[in-house]
Amino acid sequence: MNRMVKLIIQGKVQGVSYRRWFAQQAEELELKGYVKNLTTGEVEALVAGDELIIEELLQRSWLGPSRAEVSGIIQTPVQPDAHLKEFKILY
């Protein structure tokens, strides 16, 4: 079953290579979407793929790279977008 979710990852997630780490995890799991920094100090990710694989990414997201400290992840379901073909880091 395909699903798409927007994530807002809170905590110490900027300046610690979180986006690069997150993109590597998403690519390893063959998910589509993007990850980017927000001006609020949070990281936003849009992730599309199999529901069970997205759940795996969510579990990994709490860990992050070694210098990250994730304090919260807000999930919002969104309509799947068939145009997503890869996973990207947005700047």
PDB file of N, CA and C in Angstrom:
ATOM      1  N   MET A   1       0.849  -1.181   0.000  1.00  0.00           N
ATOM      2  CA  MET A   1       0.000   0.000   0.000  1.00  0.00           C
ATOM      3  C   MET A   1       0.895   1.245   0.000  1.00  0.00           C
ATOM      4  N   ASN A   2       0.667   2.147  -0.931  1.00  0.00           N
ATOM      5  CA  ASN A   2       1.470   3.361  -0.998  1.00  0.00           C
ATOM      6  C   ASN A   2       0.889   4.445  -0.110  1.00  0.00           C
ATOM      7  N   ARG A   3       1.801   5.216   0.439  1.00  0.00           N
ATOM      8  CA  ARG A   3       1.433   6.262   1.390  1.00  0.00           C
ATOM      9  C   ARG A   3       2.396   7.423   1.198  1.00  0.00           C
ATOM     10  N   MET A   4       1.966   8.608   1.568  1.00  0.00           N
ATOM     11  CA  MET A   4       2.861   9.756   1.579  1.00  0.00           C
ATOM     12  C   MET A   4       2.592  10.538   2.853  1.00  0.00           C
ATOM     13  N   VAL A   5       3.688  10.966   3.496  1.00  0.00           N
ATOM     14  CA  VAL A   5       3.564  11.663   4.766  1.00  0.00           C
ATOM     15  C   VAL A   5       4.569  12.809   4.804  1.00  0.00           C
ATOM     16  N   LYS A   6       4.144  13.915   5.400  1.00  0.00           N
ATOM     17  CA  LYS A   6       5.057  15.033   5.655  1.00  0.00           C
ATOM     18  C   LYS A   6       5.492  14.921   7.106  1.00  0.00           C
ATOM     19  N   LEU A   7       6.796  15.051   7.325  1.00  0.00           N
ATOM     20  CA  LEU A   7       7.358  14.975   8.669  1.00  0.00           C
ATOM     21  C   LEU A   7       7.991  16.302   9.039  1.00  0.00           C
ATOM     22  N   ILE A   8       7.799  16.731  10.265  1.00  0.00           N
ATOM     23  CA  ILE A   8       8.535  17.853  10.830  1.00  0.00           C
ATOM     24  C   ILE A   8       9.349  17.252  11.976  1.00  0.00           C
ATOM     25  N   ILE A   9      10.671  17.272  11.794  1.00  0.00           N
ATOM     26  CA  ILE A   9      11.567  16.664  12.769  1.00  0.00           C
ATOM     27  C   ILE A   9      12.141  17.774  13.635  1.00  0.00           C
ATOM     28  N   GLN A  10      11.915  17.660  14.937  1.00  0.00           N
ATOM     29  CA  GLN A  10      12.275  18.705  15.886  1.00  0.00           C
ATOM     30  C   GLN A  10      13.459  18.293  16.739  1.00  0.00           C
ATOM     31  N   GLY A  11      14.151  19.277  17.276  1.00  0.00           N
ATOM     32  CA  GLY A  11      15.285  19.029  18.153  1.00  0.00           C
ATOM     33  C   GLY A  11      16.553  19.625  17.567  1.00  0.00           C
ATOM     34  N   LYS A  12      17.675  19.043  17.927  1.00  0.00           N
ATOM     35  CA  LYS A  12      18.960  19.485  17.378  1.00  0.00           C
ATOM     36  C   LYS A  12      19.181  18.713  16.078  1.00  0.00           C
ATOM     37  N   VAL A  13      18.638  19.248  14.984  1.00  0.00           N
ATOM     38  CA  VAL A  13      18.653  18.542  13.706  1.00  0.00           C
ATOM     39  C   VAL A  13      19.253  19.378  12.570  1.00  0.00           C
ATOM     40  N   GLN A  14      19.694  20.588  12.872  1.00  0.00           N
ATOM     41  CA  GLN A  14      20.385  21.392  11.861  1.00  0.00           C
ATOM     42  C   GLN A  14      21.831  21.567  12.301  1.00  0.00           C
ATOM     43  N   GLY A  15      22.733  21.561  11.306  1.00  0.00           N
ATOM     44  CA  GLY A  15      24.147  21.691  11.610  1.00  0.00           C
ATOM     45  C   GLY A  15      24.785  20.407  12.112  1.00  0.00           C
ATOM     46  N   VAL A  16      24.075  19.282  11.962  1.00  0.00           N
ATOM     47  CA  VAL A  16      24.590  17.986  12.421  1.00  0.00           C
ATOM     48  C   VAL A  16      24.512  16.930  11.309  1.00  0.00           C
ATOM     49  N   SER A  17      24.350  17.379  10.064  1.00  0.00           N
ATOM     50  CA  SER A  17      24.254  16.493   8.880  1.00  0.00           C
ATOM     51  C   SER A  17      22.997  15.630   8.880  1.00  0.00           C
ATOM     52  N   TYR A  18      21.936  16.100   9.518  1.00  0.00           N
ATOM     53  CA  TYR A  18      20.705  15.307   9.580  1.00  0.00           C
ATOM     54  C   TYR A  18      20.099  15.101   8.200  1.00  0.00           C
ATOM     55  N   ARG A  19      20.055  16.167   7.376  1.00  0.00           N
ATOM     56  CA  ARG A  19      19.454  16.023   6.043  1.00  0.00           C
ATOM     57  C   ARG A  19      20.169  14.954   5.221  1.00  0.00           C
ATOM     58  N   ARG A  20      21.486  15.019   5.210  1.00  0.00           N
ATOM     59  CA  ARG A  20      22.264  14.037   4.430  1.00  0.00           C
ATOM     60  C   ARG A  20      22.012  12.629   4.963  1.00  0.00           C
ATOM     61  N   TRP A  21      22.036  12.474   6.283  1.00  0.00           N
ATOM     62  CA  TRP A  21      21.780  11.176   6.901  1.00  0.00           C
ATOM     63  C   TRP A  21      20.379  10.668   6.541  1.00  0.00           C
ATOM     64  N   PHE A  22      19.379  11.554   6.649  1.00  0.00           N
ATOM     65  CA  PHE A  22      17.997  11.181   6.363  1.00  0.00           C
ATOM     66  C   PHE A  22      17.853  10.747   4.906  1.00  0.00           C
ATOM     67  N   ALA A  23      18.458  11.509   3.996  1.00  0.00           N
ATOM     68  CA  ALA A  23      18.389  11.162   2.570  1.00  0.00           C
ATOM     69  C   ALA A  23      19.014   9.796   2.310  1.00  0.00           C
ATOM     70  N   GLN A  24      20.125   9.491   2.957  1.00  0.00           N
ATOM     71  CA  GLN A  24      20.768   8.184   2.793  1.00  0.00           C
ATOM     72  C   GLN A  24      19.841   7.061   3.257  1.00  0.00           C
ATOM     73  N   GLN A  25      19.162   7.285   4.386  1.00  0.00           N
ATOM     74  CA  GLN A  25      18.223   6.278   4.901  1.00  0.00           C
ATOM     75  C   GLN A  25      17.067   6.080   3.921  1.00  0.00           C
ATOM     76  N   ALA A  26      16.502   7.174   3.430  1.00  0.00           N
ATOM     77  CA  ALA A  26      15.366   7.103   2.500  1.00  0.00           C
ATOM     78  C   ALA A  26      15.762   6.407   1.202  1.00  0.00           C
ATOM     79  N   GLU A  27      16.946   6.727   0.687  1.00  0.00           N
ATOM     80  CA  GLU A  27      17.412   6.085  -0.542  1.00  0.00           C
ATOM     81  C   GLU A  27      17.656   4.599  -0.324  1.00  0.00           C
ATOM     82  N   GLU A  28      18.242   4.246   0.807  1.00  0.00           N
ATOM     83  CA  GLU A  28      18.478   2.836   1.132  1.00  0.00           C
ATOM     84  C   GLU A  28      17.169   2.055   1.165  1.00  0.00           C
ATOM     85  N   LEU A  29      16.106   2.698   1.643  1.00  0.00           N
ATOM     86  CA  LEU A  29      14.791   2.062   1.737  1.00  0.00           C
ATOM     87  C   LEU A  29      13.968   2.233   0.457  1.00  0.00           C
ATOM     88  N   GLU A  30      14.563   2.886  -0.555  1.00  0.00           N
ATOM     89  CA  GLU A  30      13.925   3.101  -1.863  1.00  0.00           C
ATOM     90  C   GLU A  30      12.635   3.919  -1.766  1.00  0.00           C
ATOM     91  N   LEU A  31      12.668   4.940  -0.914  1.00  0.00           N
ATOM     92  CA  LEU A  31      11.541   5.859  -0.784  1.00  0.00           C
ATOM     93  C   LEU A  31      11.764   7.073  -1.682  1.00  0.00           C
ATOM     94  N   LYS A  32      10.703   7.793  -1.971  1.00  0.00           N
ATOM     95  CA  LYS A  32      10.756   8.997  -2.801  1.00  0.00           C
ATOM     96  C   LYS A  32      10.407  10.202  -1.944  1.00  0.00           C
ATOM     97  N   GLY A  33      10.834  11.398  -2.377  1.00  0.00           N
ATOM     98  CA  GLY A  33      10.463  12.618  -1.668  1.00  0.00           C
ATOM     99  C   GLY A  33      11.614  13.584  -1.537  1.00  0.00           C
ATOM    100  N   TYR A  34      11.620  14.318  -0.419  1.00  0.00           N
ATOM    101  CA  TYR A  34      12.673  15.309  -0.176  1.00  0.00           C
ATOM    102  C   TYR A  34      12.863  15.526   1.313  1.00  0.00           C
ATOM    103  N   VAL A  35      13.967  16.190   1.632  1.00  0.00           N
ATOM    104  CA  VAL A  35      14.232  16.645   2.993  1.00  0.00           C
ATOM    105  C   VAL A  35      14.836  18.034   2.889  1.00  0.00           C
ATOM    106  N   LYS A  36      14.456  18.942   3.812  1.00  0.00           N
ATOM    107  CA  LYS A  36      15.003  20.300   3.785  1.00  0.00           C
ATOM    108  C   LYS A  36      14.970  20.898   5.184  1.00  0.00           C
ATOM    109  N   ASN A  37      15.847  21.896   5.387  1.00  0.00           N
ATOM    110  CA  ASN A  37      15.841  22.655   6.636  1.00  0.00           C
ATOM    111  C   ASN A  37      14.730  23.692   6.592  1.00  0.00           C
ATOM    112  N   LEU A  38      14.165  23.982   7.745  1.00  0.00           N
ATOM    113  CA  LEU A  38      13.188  25.061   7.881  1.00  0.00           C
ATOM    114  C   LEU A  38      13.828  26.200   8.663  1.00  0.00           C
ATOM    115  N   THR A  39      13.325  27.404   8.480  1.00  0.00           N
ATOM    116  CA  THR A  39      13.863  28.569   9.189  1.00  0.00           C
ATOM    117  C   THR A  39      13.611  28.487  10.688  1.00  0.00           C
ATOM    118  N   THR A  40      12.733  27.587  11.113  1.00  0.00           N
ATOM    119  CA  THR A  40      12.410  27.402  12.531  1.00  0.00           C
ATOM    120  C   THR A  40      13.452  26.569  13.269  1.00  0.00           C
ATOM    121  N   GLY A  41      14.425  26.003  12.523  1.00  0.00           N
ATOM    122  CA  GLY A  41      15.418  25.122  13.129  1.00  0.00           C
ATOM    123  C   GLY A  41      15.028  23.659  13.033  1.00  0.00           C
ATOM    124  N   GLU A  42      13.870  23.406  12.476  1.00  0.00           N
ATOM    125  CA  GLU A  42      13.393  22.038  12.289  1.00  0.00           C
ATOM    126  C   GLU A  42      13.781  21.549  10.896  1.00  0.00           C
ATOM    127  N   VAL A  43      13.572  20.262  10.648  1.00  0.00           N
ATOM    128  CA  VAL A  43      13.773  19.670   9.335  1.00  0.00           C
ATOM    129  C   VAL A  43      12.430  19.150   8.844  1.00  0.00           C
ATOM    130  N   GLU A  44      12.117  19.444   7.580  1.00  0.00           N
ATOM    131  CA  GLU A  44      10.887  18.944   6.965  1.00  0.00           C
ATOM    132  C   GLU A  44      11.254  17.865   5.964  1.00  0.00           C
ATOM    133  N   ALA A  45      10.473  16.798   5.946  1.00  0.00           N
ATOM    134  CA  ALA A  45      10.668  15.732   4.960  1.00  0.00           C
ATOM    135  C   ALA A  45       9.311  15.338   4.396  1.00  0.00           C
ATOM    136  N   LEU A  46       9.286  15.069   3.113  1.00  0.00           N
ATOM    137  CA  LEU A  46       8.124  14.498   2.451  1.00  0.00           C
ATOM    138  C   LEU A  46       8.568  13.125   1.968  1.00  0.00           C
ATOM    139  N   VAL A  47       7.856  12.092   2.385  1.00  0.00           N
ATOM    140  CA  VAL A  47       8.288  10.724   2.110  1.00  0.00           C
ATOM    141  C   VAL A  47       7.129   9.940   1.506  1.00  0.00           C
ATOM    142  N   ALA A  48       7.416   9.249   0.392  1.00  0.00           N
ATOM    143  CA  ALA A  48       6.399   8.448  -0.284  1.00  0.00           C
ATOM    144  C   ALA A  48       6.923   7.042  -0.515  1.00  0.00           C
ATOM    145  N   GLY A  49       6.041   6.065  -0.307  1.00  0.00           N
ATOM    146  CA  GLY A  49       6.408   4.671  -0.553  1.00  0.00           C
ATOM    147  C   GLY A  49       5.489   3.731   0.196  1.00  0.00           C
ATOM    148  N   ASP A  50       5.952   2.505   0.335  1.00  0.00           N
ATOM    149  CA  ASP A  50       5.198   1.484   1.036  1.00  0.00           C
ATOM    150  C   ASP A  50       5.036   1.858   2.513  1.00  0.00           C
ATOM    151  N   GLU A  51       3.857   1.653   3.041  1.00  0.00           N
ATOM    152  CA  GLU A  51       3.551   2.047   4.420  1.00  0.00           C
ATOM    153  C   GLU A  51       4.510   1.428   5.442  1.00  0.00           C
ATOM    154  N   LEU A  52       4.826   0.159   5.306  1.00  0.00           N
ATOM    155  CA  LEU A  52       5.727  -0.499   6.260  1.00  0.00           C
ATOM    156  C   LEU A  52       7.152   0.048   6.168  1.00  0.00           C
ATOM    157  N   ILE A  53       7.579   0.417   4.967  1.00  0.00           N
ATOM    158  CA  ILE A  53       8.922   0.969   4.770  1.00  0.00           C
ATOM    159  C   ILE A  53       8.997   2.379   5.359  1.00  0.00           C
ATOM    160  N   ILE A  54       7.930   3.148   5.206  1.00  0.00           N
ATOM    161  CA  ILE A  54       7.891   4.484   5.818  1.00  0.00           C
ATOM    162  C   ILE A  54       7.967   4.354   7.338  1.00  0.00           C
ATOM    163  N   GLU A  55       7.275   3.375   7.901  1.00  0.00           N
ATOM    164  CA  GLU A  55       7.340   3.159   9.348  1.00  0.00           C
ATOM    165  C   GLU A  55       8.767   2.839   9.792  1.00  0.00           C
ATOM    166  N   GLU A  56       9.489   2.069   8.991  1.00  0.00           N
ATOM    167  CA  GLU A  56      10.887   1.766   9.293  1.00  0.00           C
ATOM    168  C   GLU A  56      11.718   3.047   9.302  1.00  0.00           C
ATOM    169  N   LEU A  57      11.503   3.914   8.315  1.00  0.00           N
ATOM    170  CA  LEU A  57      12.225   5.190   8.265  1.00  0.00           C
ATOM    171  C   LEU A  57      11.885   6.052   9.479  1.00  0.00           C
ATOM    172  N   LEU A  58      10.635   6.052   9.890  1.00  0.00           N
ATOM    173  CA  LEU A  58      10.239   6.824  11.072  1.00  0.00           C
ATOM    174  C   LEU A  58      10.983   6.346  12.316  1.00  0.00           C
ATOM    175  N   GLN A  59      11.112   5.044  12.481  1.00  0.00           N
ATOM    176  CA  GLN A  59      11.847   4.514  13.630  1.00  0.00           C
ATOM    177  C   GLN A  59      13.309   4.952  13.587  1.00  0.00           C
ATOM    178  N   ARG A  60      13.919   4.881  12.410  1.00  0.00           N
ATOM    179  CA  ARG A  60      15.310   5.316  12.258  1.00  0.00           C
ATOM    180  C   ARG A  60      15.466   6.809  12.500  1.00  0.00           C
ATOM    181  N   SER A  61      14.450   7.587  12.132  1.00  0.00           N
ATOM    182  CA  SER A  61      14.522   9.050  12.215  1.00  0.00           C
ATOM    183  C   SER A  61      14.735   9.552  13.631  1.00  0.00           C
ATOM    184  N   TRP A  62      14.302   8.797  14.615  1.00  0.00           N
ATOM    185  CA  TRP A  62      14.498   9.191  16.014  1.00  0.00           C
ATOM    186  C   TRP A  62      15.970   9.141  16.407  1.00  0.00           C
ATOM    187  N   LEU A  63      16.749   8.301  15.718  1.00  0.00           N
ATOM    188  CA  LEU A  63      18.171   8.167  16.041  1.00  0.00           C
ATOM    189  C   LEU A  63      18.991   9.253  15.371  1.00  0.00           C
ATOM    190  N   GLY A  64      18.873   9.368  14.051  1.00  0.00           N
ATOM    191  CA  GLY A  64      19.626  10.362  13.303  1.00  0.00           C
ATOM    192  C   GLY A  64      21.123  10.119  13.384  1.00  0.00           C
ATOM    193  N   PRO A  65      21.909  11.043  12.841  1.00  0.00           N
ATOM    194  CA  PRO A  65      23.364  10.925  12.954  1.00  0.00           C
ATOM    195  C   PRO A  65      23.789  11.151  14.406  1.00  0.00           C
ATOM    196  N   SER A  66      25.033  10.840  14.714  1.00  0.00           N
ATOM    197  CA  SER A  66      25.491  10.830  16.110  1.00  0.00           C
ATOM    198  C   SER A  66      25.321  12.151  16.851  1.00  0.00           C
ATOM    199  N   ARG A  67      25.448  13.299  16.186  1.00  0.00           N
ATOM    200  CA  ARG A  67      25.345  14.588  16.884  1.00  0.00           C
ATOM    201  C   ARG A  67      23.918  15.123  16.965  1.00  0.00           C
ATOM    202  N   ALA A  68      22.975  14.452  16.337  1.00  0.00           N
ATOM    203  CA  ALA A  68      21.577  14.900  16.359  1.00  0.00           C
ATOM    204  C   ALA A  68      20.898  14.493  17.660  1.00  0.00           C
ATOM    205  N   GLU A  69      19.913  15.290  18.056  1.00  0.00           N
ATOM    206  CA  GLU A  69      19.069  14.982  19.216  1.00  0.00           C
ATOM    207  C   GLU A  69      17.624  15.274  18.825  1.00  0.00           C
ATOM    208  N   VAL A  70      16.915  14.246  18.394  1.00  0.00           N
ATOM    209  CA  VAL A  70      15.529  14.410  17.956  1.00  0.00           C
ATOM    210  C   VAL A  70      14.626  14.425  19.179  1.00  0.00           C
ATOM    211  N   SER A  71      13.820  15.493  19.292  1.00  0.00           N
ATOM    212  CA  SER A  71      12.909  15.616  20.429  1.00  0.00           C
ATOM    213  C   SER A  71      11.456  15.355  20.044  1.00  0.00           C
ATOM    214  N   GLY A  72      11.159  15.381  18.753  1.00  0.00           N
ATOM    215  CA  GLY A  72       9.793  15.139  18.315  1.00  0.00           C
ATOM    216  C   GLY A  72       9.711  14.996  16.811  1.00  0.00           C
ATOM    217  N   ILE A  73       8.710  14.250  16.360  1.00  0.00           N
ATOM    218  CA  ILE A  73       8.440  14.118  14.929  1.00  0.00           C
ATOM    219  C   ILE A  73       6.935  14.254  14.744  1.00  0.00           C
ATOM    220  N   ILE A  74       6.543  15.278  14.009  1.00  0.00           N
ATOM    221  CA  ILE A  74       5.131  15.502  13.705  1.00  0.00           C
ATOM    222  C   ILE A  74       4.856  14.903  12.327  1.00  0.00           C
ATOM    223  N   GLN A  75       3.845  14.042  12.251  1.00  0.00           N
ATOM    224  CA  GLN A  75       3.480  13.388  10.991  1.00  0.00           C
ATOM    225  C   GLN A  75       2.159  13.926  10.492  1.00  0.00           C
ATOM    226  N   THR A  76       2.112  14.249   9.200  1.00  0.00           N
ATOM    227  CA  THR A  76       0.867  14.677   8.568  1.00  0.00           C
ATOM    228  C   THR A  76       0.687  13.898   7.277  1.00  0.00           C
ATOM    229  N   PRO A  77      -0.365  13.088   7.168  1.00  0.00           N
ATOM    230  CA  PRO A  77      -0.599  12.370   5.913  1.00  0.00           C
ATOM    231  C   PRO A  77      -0.936  13.369   4.800  1.00  0.00           C
ATOM    232  N   VAL A  78      -0.446  13.110   3.604  1.00  0.00           N
ATOM    233  CA  VAL A  78      -0.767  13.943   2.439  1.00  0.00           C
ATOM    234  C   VAL A  78      -1.115  13.025   1.277  1.00  0.00           C
ATOM    235  N   GLN A  79      -1.759  13.600   0.257  1.00  0.00           N
ATOM    236  CA  GLN A  79      -2.135  12.831  -0.926  1.00  0.00           C
ATOM    237  C   GLN A  79      -0.888  12.371  -1.664  1.00  0.00           C
ATOM    238  N   PRO A  80      -0.789  11.098  -2.007  1.00  0.00           N
ATOM    239  CA  PRO A  80       0.367  10.611  -2.770  1.00  0.00           C
ATOM    240  C   PRO A  80       0.526  11.361  -4.091  1.00  0.00           C
ATOM    241  N   ASP A  81       1.777  11.574  -4.497  1.00  0.00           N
ATOM    242  CA  ASP A  81       2.123  12.285  -5.731  1.00  0.00           C
ATOM    243  C   ASP A  81       2.885  11.324  -6.630  1.00  0.00           C
ATOM    244  N   ALA A  82       2.266  10.911  -7.725  1.00  0.00           N
ATOM    245  CA  ALA A  82       2.885   9.949  -8.639  1.00  0.00           C
ATOM    246  C   ALA A  82       4.083  10.549  -9.377  1.00  0.00           C
ATOM    247  N   HIS A  83       4.266  11.869  -9.312  1.00  0.00           N
ATOM    248  CA  HIS A  83       5.367  12.518 -10.037  1.00  0.00           C
ATOM    249  C   HIS A  83       6.701  12.399  -9.311  1.00  0.00           C
ATOM    250  N   LEU A  84       6.698  12.008  -8.056  1.00  0.00           N
ATOM    251  CA  LEU A  84       7.955  11.851  -7.322  1.00  0.00           C
ATOM    252  C   LEU A  84       8.718  10.653  -7.882  1.00  0.00           C
ATOM    253  N   LYS A  85       9.941  10.888  -8.314  1.00  0.00           N
ATOM    254  CA  LYS A  85      10.730   9.822  -8.940  1.00  0.00           C
ATOM    255  C   LYS A  85      11.987   9.460  -8.159  1.00  0.00           C
ATOM    256  N   GLU A  86      12.371  10.300  -7.177  1.00  0.00           N
ATOM    257  CA  GLU A  86      13.619  10.083  -6.442  1.00  0.00           C
ATOM    258  C   GLU A  86      13.520  10.744  -5.082  1.00  0.00           C
ATOM    259  N   PHE A  87      14.583  10.621  -4.321  1.00  0.00           N
ATOM    260  CA  PHE A  87      14.661  11.329  -3.043  1.00  0.00           C
ATOM    261  C   PHE A  87      15.743  12.382  -3.153  1.00  0.00           C
ATOM    262  N   LYS A  88      15.422  13.630  -2.743  1.00  0.00           N
ATOM    263  CA  LYS A  88      16.363  14.745  -2.883  1.00  0.00           C
ATOM    264  C   LYS A  88      16.547  15.506  -1.582  1.00  0.00           C
ATOM    265  N   ILE A  89      17.699  16.137  -1.486  1.00  0.00           N
ATOM    266  CA  ILE A  89      17.941  17.121  -0.433  1.00  0.00           C
ATOM    267  C   ILE A  89      17.673  18.482  -1.053  1.00  0.00           C
ATOM    268  N   LEU A  90      16.779  19.248  -0.476  1.00  0.00           N
ATOM    269  CA  LEU A  90      16.497  20.601  -0.960  1.00  0.00           C
ATOM    270  C   LEU A  90      17.264  21.604  -0.125  1.00  0.00           C
ATOM    271  N   TYR A  91      17.772  22.639  -0.785  1.00  0.00           N
ATOM    272  CA  TYR A  91      18.563  23.666  -0.098  1.00  0.00           C
ATOM    273  C   TYR A  91      17.856  24.997  -0.146  1.00  0.00           C
TER     274      TYR A  91
END
